[in-house]
């Protein structure tokens, strides 16, 4: 599982019929300090994430395990929107206090 920040939408008018109706999002993997890690990724959104939200992402065969991506040609899927993160007994992220998320 990977933390990522949703940075935009990807629109494709021509795509495989198994992806018709799928929302594609551009996500940037991040660390717990919200610093970018690696390159942006295009992911299918299985949970209704919005731009600016912190999400959990999986890639590879795990990306084809959600009800929306089962047996579809996807390599990355957003499967959760992060509400809070607690590390060593301290809250290090809380969605309502997140300055990056759009409201």
Foldseek 3Di string as FASTA:
>chain_A
DFKWAFAAWDDDPDDDPLCVVWTKTWIFTADLVRHGDDDIDIATEPDDDDHQFIFDKAFDPVSCPDPSRPPHPGGMYGDGTDAWDADPNRTSDHRVPDPRHDD
